[in-house]
Each structure stands twice: as structure tokens, then as C-alpha cells.
Amino acid sequence: MENKIIEIISTITKINKAELVEKVDTEKLWESIVHVEIVIALEEEFDIVFSQDEIGNMTTILKIIDTVKAKA
């Protein structure tokens, strides 16, 4: 699941997967419009729906992974 999440983020942000893995717990690496694209792609891929609070807290890759795992 983690690999799929990173793959989705990599595709949308156009940031190399290896670079994303390196920065898994650093500051948000994308702007807000890209954040929305990531959220939509993850909801579609894993057939889940995030609350506004969850979306607001998904600021790093690690937080995204944890949130998706909790919902799936």
C-alpha cells in the first residue's frame, strides 16, 4: 500500500519516487492544488473518503500514508 501511495504522489507531483521516500516526513512538497489532486487520486484508488480534518492534516507523505492506512 505504501508503494502505491508514493507512486500516486510521484505521478501527480512529478517528483522522483526515490526523492519522495527520502523526504517522507519533511515539509509538504507540493502546493494546495496538487494536494487536492493527491487526495482525489487516493480516494479513487483506495475507495475511501477523507474528512476535511484528515485532508488538512495530510501535510507530509508519512501523514498521508498513516491516514490512508487508517481509512483502508
C-alpha atoms as a PDB file:
ATOM      1  CA  MET A   1       0.000   0.000   0.000  1.00  0.00           C
ATOM      2  CA  GLU A   2       2.802   2.440   0.866  1.00  0.00           C
ATOM      3  CA  ASN A   3       4.433   1.916  -2.525  1.00  0.00           C
ATOM      4  CA  LYS A   4       1.136   2.613  -4.312  1.00  0.00           C
ATOM      5  CA  ILE A   5       0.622   5.812  -2.303  1.00  0.00           C
ATOM      6  CA  ILE A   6       4.136   7.012  -3.096  1.00  0.00           C
ATOM      7  CA  GLU A   7       3.624   6.107  -6.753  1.00  0.00           C
ATOM      8  CA  ILE A   8       0.426   8.182  -6.888  1.00  0.00           C
ATOM      9  CA  ILE A   9       2.099  11.156  -5.201  1.00  0.00           C
ATOM     10  CA  SER A  10       5.114  10.835  -7.504  1.00  0.00           C
ATOM     11  CA  THR A  11       2.935  10.787 -10.616  1.00  0.00           C
ATOM     12  CA  ILE A  12       0.944  13.838  -9.562  1.00  0.00           C
ATOM     13  CA  THR A  13       3.836  15.912  -8.193  1.00  0.00           C
ATOM     14  CA  LYS A  14       6.308  14.763 -10.863  1.00  0.00           C
ATOM     15  CA  ILE A  15       8.844  14.186  -8.080  1.00  0.00           C
ATOM     16  CA  ASN A  16      11.013  11.081  -8.369  1.00  0.00           C
ATOM     17  CA  LYS A  17       9.877   8.242  -6.064  1.00  0.00           C
ATOM     18  CA  ALA A  18      13.352   7.919  -4.515  1.00  0.00           C
ATOM     19  CA  GLU A  19      13.324  11.625  -3.638  1.00  0.00           C
ATOM     20  CA  LEU A  20       9.863  11.290  -2.089  1.00  0.00           C
ATOM     21  CA  VAL A  21      10.973   8.341   0.044  1.00  0.00           C
ATOM     22  CA  GLU A  22      13.975  10.389   1.219  1.00  0.00           C
ATOM     23  CA  LYS A  23      11.677  13.220   2.277  1.00  0.00           C
ATOM     24  CA  VAL A  24       8.848  11.047   3.610  1.00  0.00           C
ATOM     25  CA  ASP A  25       8.486  13.045   6.834  1.00  0.00           C
ATOM     26  CA  THR A  26       9.556  16.548   5.810  1.00  0.00           C
ATOM     27  CA  GLU A  27       7.563  19.631   4.970  1.00  0.00           C
ATOM     28  CA  LYS A  28       4.818  19.460   2.392  1.00  0.00           C
ATOM     29  CA  LEU A  29       6.433  19.178  -1.044  1.00  0.00           C
ATOM     30  CA  TRP A  30       3.532  20.478  -3.124  1.00  0.00           C
ATOM     31  CA  GLU A  31       1.116  23.370  -3.439  1.00  0.00           C
ATOM     32  CA  SER A  32      -2.546  23.274  -2.457  1.00  0.00           C
ATOM     33  CA  ILE A  33      -3.988  22.494  -5.906  1.00  0.00           C
ATOM     34  CA  VAL A  34      -1.678  19.479  -6.145  1.00  0.00           C
ATOM     35  CA  HIS A  35      -2.751  18.488  -2.625  1.00  0.00           C
ATOM     36  CA  VAL A  36      -6.358  18.300  -3.836  1.00  0.00           C
ATOM     37  CA  GLU A  37      -5.293  16.148  -6.810  1.00  0.00           C
ATOM     38  CA  ILE A  38      -3.434  13.777  -4.473  1.00  0.00           C
ATOM     39  CA  VAL A  39      -6.455  13.482  -2.165  1.00  0.00           C
ATOM     40  CA  ILE A  40      -8.830  12.759  -5.060  1.00  0.00           C
ATOM     41  CA  ALA A  41      -6.477  10.167  -6.564  1.00  0.00           C
ATOM     42  CA  LEU A  42      -6.085   8.402  -3.218  1.00  0.00           C
ATOM     43  CA  GLU A  43      -9.834   8.396  -2.590  1.00  0.00           C
ATOM     44  CA  GLU A  44     -10.430   6.865  -6.010  1.00  0.00           C
ATOM     45  CA  GLU A  45      -7.596   4.322  -5.759  1.00  0.00           C
ATOM     46  CA  PHE A  46      -8.488   3.044  -2.287  1.00  0.00           C
ATOM     47  CA  ASP A  47     -12.259   3.671  -2.421  1.00  0.00           C
ATOM     48  CA  ILE A  48     -12.230   5.861   0.691  1.00  0.00           C
ATOM     49  CA  VAL A  49     -13.413   9.368   1.591  1.00  0.00           C
ATOM     50  CA  PHE A  50     -11.394  11.735   3.764  1.00  0.00           C
ATOM     51  CA  SER A  51     -12.902  14.273   6.152  1.00  0.00           C
ATOM     52  CA  GLN A  52     -11.862  17.926   5.951  1.00  0.00           C
ATOM     53  CA  ASP A  53      -9.767  17.479   9.116  1.00  0.00           C
ATOM     54  CA  GLU A  54      -7.957  14.473   7.651  1.00  0.00           C
ATOM     55  CA  ILE A  55      -7.235  16.354   4.434  1.00  0.00           C
ATOM     56  CA  GLY A  56      -5.899  19.314   6.410  1.00  0.00           C
ATOM     57  CA  ASN A  57      -3.576  17.060   8.390  1.00  0.00           C
ATOM     58  CA  MET A  58      -2.168  15.286   5.319  1.00  0.00           C
ATOM     59  CA  THR A  59       0.847  17.590   5.028  1.00  0.00           C
ATOM     60  CA  THR A  60       3.679  15.076   4.627  1.00  0.00           C
ATOM     61  CA  ILE A  61       3.951  11.763   2.839  1.00  0.00           C
ATOM     62  CA  LEU A  62       4.162   9.903   6.146  1.00  0.00           C
ATOM     63  CA  LYS A  63       0.955  11.569   7.375  1.00  0.00           C
ATOM     64  CA  ILE A  64      -0.744  10.678   4.087  1.00  0.00           C
ATOM     65  CA  ILE A  65       0.343   7.048   4.388  1.00  0.00           C
ATOM     66  CA  ASP A  66      -0.858   6.864   8.008  1.00  0.00           C
ATOM     67  CA  THR A  67      -4.216   8.447   7.122  1.00  0.00           C
ATOM     68  CA  VAL A  68      -4.817   6.130   4.170  1.00  0.00           C
ATOM     69  CA  LYS A  69      -3.886   3.072   6.247  1.00  0.00           C
ATOM     70  CA  ALA A  70      -6.318   4.131   8.976  1.00  0.00           C
ATOM     71  CA  LYS A  71      -9.144   4.505   6.421  1.00  0.00           C
ATOM     72  CA  ALA A  72      -8.481   1.406   4.319  1.00  0.00           C
END
